[in-house]
Protein backbone atom coordinates (compact mmCIF):
# COMPACT_ATOMS: atom_id res chain seq x y z
CA MET A 1 88.35 118.71 98.38
CA GLY A 2 88.68 115.02 98.07
CA LEU A 3 89.50 113.01 95.05
CA ARG A 4 85.95 111.74 95.16
CA HIS A 5 84.58 115.19 94.30
CA ALA A 6 86.94 115.57 91.37
CA ILE A 7 85.80 112.17 90.08
CA LEU A 8 82.15 113.06 90.63
CA GLY A 9 82.76 116.24 88.64
CA LEU A 10 84.35 114.35 85.76
CA LEU A 11 81.56 111.76 85.81
CA SER A 12 79.04 114.60 85.60
CA VAL A 13 80.49 115.37 82.16
CA ARG A 14 80.08 111.79 80.90
CA SER A 15 80.31 108.15 81.95
CA MET A 16 83.87 106.87 82.04
CA SER A 17 85.89 103.81 82.92
CA GLY A 18 88.76 104.07 85.38
CA TYR A 19 91.22 104.18 82.50
CA GLU A 20 89.25 106.98 80.82
CA LEU A 21 89.08 108.87 84.11
CA LYS A 22 92.86 108.73 84.43
CA LYS A 23 93.20 110.15 80.91
CA ALA A 24 90.62 112.82 81.73
CA PHE A 25 92.58 113.78 84.86
CA ASP A 26 95.83 113.99 82.93
CA ASN A 27 94.25 116.09 80.16
CA SER A 28 92.17 118.46 82.24
CA VAL A 29 92.72 118.94 85.98
CA ASN A 30 96.18 117.45 86.54
CA HIS A 31 97.80 120.88 86.91
CA PHE A 32 95.86 121.47 90.11
CA TRP A 33 94.67 118.04 91.24
CA SER A 34 96.54 114.86 90.41
CA ALA A 35 95.69 111.24 91.00
CA ASP A 36 97.31 107.97 90.09
CA GLN A 37 95.46 105.04 88.56
CA SER A 38 95.18 103.06 91.81
CA GLN A 39 93.73 106.06 93.69
CA ILE A 40 91.14 106.52 90.98
CA TYR A 41 90.07 102.86 91.06
CA ARG A 42 89.87 102.81 94.88
CA THR A 43 87.82 105.99 94.89
CA LEU A 44 85.51 104.72 92.13
CA SER A 45 84.87 101.59 94.17
CA GLY A 46 83.98 103.71 97.20
CA LEU A 47 81.66 105.91 95.13
CA VAL A 48 79.84 102.80 93.90
CA ASP A 49 79.66 101.39 97.45
CA ASP A 50 78.23 104.72 98.67
CA GLY A 51 75.61 104.82 95.91
CA LEU A 52 77.10 107.93 94.30
CA ALA A 53 78.06 106.16 91.08
CA THR A 54 77.10 103.00 89.23
CA ARG A 55 79.34 100.59 87.37
CA ARG A 56 78.33 98.46 84.43
CA THR A 57 80.22 96.04 82.24
CA VAL A 58 80.43 96.42 78.48
CA LEU A 59 81.52 93.16 76.87
CA GLN A 60 84.12 93.52 74.12
CA ASP A 61 85.36 90.75 71.87
CA ASP A 62 88.63 92.27 70.71
CA ARG A 63 89.87 93.72 74.03
CA PRO A 64 89.19 93.54 77.77
CA ASN A 65 85.69 94.42 78.90
CA ARG A 66 85.01 98.09 79.70
CA HIS A 67 83.57 99.13 83.05
CA PRO A 68 82.08 102.60 82.62
CA HIS A 69 80.93 104.43 85.74
CA SER A 70 78.04 106.87 85.79
CA LEU A 71 76.91 109.47 88.26
CA THR A 72 73.74 108.59 90.20
CA GLU A 73 71.17 111.13 91.39
CA ALA A 74 72.74 110.85 94.84
CA GLY A 75 76.16 111.49 93.26
CA ALA A 76 74.86 114.57 91.46
CA ALA A 77 73.34 115.80 94.73
CA GLU A 78 76.65 115.23 96.57
CA LEU A 79 78.53 117.13 93.85
CA HIS A 80 76.03 119.99 94.06
CA HIS A 81 76.27 120.07 97.86
CA TRP A 82 80.07 120.17 97.68
CA LEU A 83 80.07 122.89 95.00
CA THR A 84 77.79 125.12 97.08
CA SER A 85 79.32 124.47 100.51
CA PRO A 86 81.80 126.88 102.13
CA LEU A 87 85.33 126.40 100.92
CA ALA A 88 87.44 124.75 103.60
CA LYS A 89 91.00 126.02 103.89
CA GLY A 90 93.32 123.12 103.25
CA PRO A 91 96.71 122.73 104.82
CA THR A 92 99.58 124.44 103.04
CA ARG A 93 102.52 122.15 102.49
CA GLU A 94 105.38 123.26 100.33
CA PRO A 95 108.42 120.96 100.65
CA PHE A 96 110.66 123.32 98.66
CA LEU A 97 109.97 126.21 101.03
CA VAL A 98 110.73 124.05 104.08
CA ARG A 99 114.08 123.14 102.54
CA LEU A 100 114.78 126.76 101.65
CA PHE A 101 113.86 127.89 105.17
CA PHE A 102 116.57 125.66 106.66
CA ALA A 103 119.07 125.92 103.78
CA ASP A 104 121.28 128.32 105.75
CA ARG A 105 123.03 125.15 106.94
CA LEU A 106 124.29 124.57 103.39
CA PRO A 107 127.13 126.21 101.50
CA ILE A 108 125.91 128.89 99.10
CA ALA A 109 126.71 126.66 96.11
CA GLU A 110 124.30 124.02 97.46
CA ILE A 111 121.61 126.66 98.01
CA ARG A 112 122.05 127.76 94.40
CA ARG A 113 121.68 124.13 93.24
CA LEU A 114 118.47 123.84 95.26
CA VAL A 115 117.11 127.02 93.67
CA ALA A 116 118.24 125.93 90.19
CA ALA A 117 116.49 122.57 90.59
CA ARG A 118 113.27 124.34 91.59
CA ARG A 119 113.61 126.72 88.62
CA HIS A 120 113.98 123.73 86.30
CA GLU A 121 110.85 122.09 87.78
CA GLN A 122 108.83 125.28 87.43
CA ALA A 123 110.04 125.94 83.89
CA GLU A 124 108.97 122.42 82.90
CA ALA A 125 105.61 122.89 84.63
CA LEU A 126 105.10 126.19 82.82
CA ALA A 127 105.97 124.64 79.45
CA THR A 128 103.50 121.81 80.10
CA LEU A 129 100.75 124.24 81.06
CA GLU A 130 101.40 126.52 78.11
CA ALA A 131 101.10 123.52 75.79
CA ILE A 132 97.56 122.77 77.01
CA SER A 133 94.82 123.99 74.75
CA ILE A 134 91.29 124.16 76.09
CA PRO A 135 89.02 123.37 73.14
CA GLU A 136 86.27 125.85 72.34
CA LEU A 137 83.07 124.54 73.81
CA PRO A 138 79.52 125.45 72.81
CA ASP A 139 78.81 126.32 76.45
CA TYR A 140 80.89 129.46 76.96
CA ILE A 141 80.79 129.41 80.77
CA THR A 142 82.26 125.88 80.79
CA TYR A 143 85.01 127.00 78.44
CA ALA A 144 85.70 130.17 80.45
CA LEU A 145 85.94 128.33 83.77
CA ARG A 146 88.24 125.63 82.39
CA GLN A 147 90.41 128.28 80.76
CA ALA A 148 90.50 130.18 84.07
CA THR A 149 91.95 127.17 85.91
CA LEU A 150 94.65 126.84 83.26
CA THR A 151 95.43 130.56 83.43
CA ASN A 152 95.72 130.25 87.21
CA GLY A 153 98.34 127.50 86.87
CA ILE A 154 100.32 129.49 84.29
CA THR A 155 100.18 132.64 86.43
CA HIS A 156 101.43 130.77 89.50
CA ALA A 157 104.29 129.13 87.59
CA ARG A 158 105.38 132.48 86.10
CA ALA A 159 105.14 134.17 89.50
CA GLU A 160 107.35 131.51 91.09
CA LEU A 161 109.92 131.84 88.31
CA SER A 162 109.96 135.61 88.89
CA TRP A 163 110.33 135.06 92.64
CA LEU A 164 113.23 132.65 91.99
CA ASP A 165 114.93 135.39 89.92
CA GLU A 166 114.60 137.73 92.89
CA LEU A 167 115.97 135.05 95.21
CA ASP A 168 118.97 134.56 92.90
CA ALA A 169 119.63 138.31 93.01
CA GLN A 170 119.56 138.21 96.81
CA LEU A 171 121.94 135.25 96.86
CA ASP A 172 124.35 137.26 94.67
CA ARG A 173 124.90 139.53 97.71
CA PHE A 174 126.39 136.56 99.57
CA ASP A 175 128.20 134.94 96.65
CA PRO A 176 129.48 137.67 94.32
């Protein structure tokens, strides 16, 4: 999946400016697909250039002009095509696991610090996810699918914390 498809999906909900898209990312899909402001603006520009979105200017007297983007018919067709196409397996890259794989070169105290740092990251991620509340929506399927993505993130964070507990127990064998 590219960022462009995530943006097309968000634009299918409603027209948004780049700033609004960033807020929408942070408040909805950030736990499984993140993007910074500059990536969003670059991608929006490409979507407009490719005819998948339009951009208009809304003049405002009391603040900078707004530039909402809307999905075009071609953009909706591209989103539909992507949603119905076979899921491509993306590359798996997990920097923590690469470090852990080679951590035998470190003293056990350093390995424990590495594991503790990861535990802290995951605990923070879990707290952030558990604080998210998906609002009830009149369309139940939309609500259920959005809740499912949140539940997936929470389940993964809890599973990693459990795995880290098991790893700590294994490390106890080498550092009583």
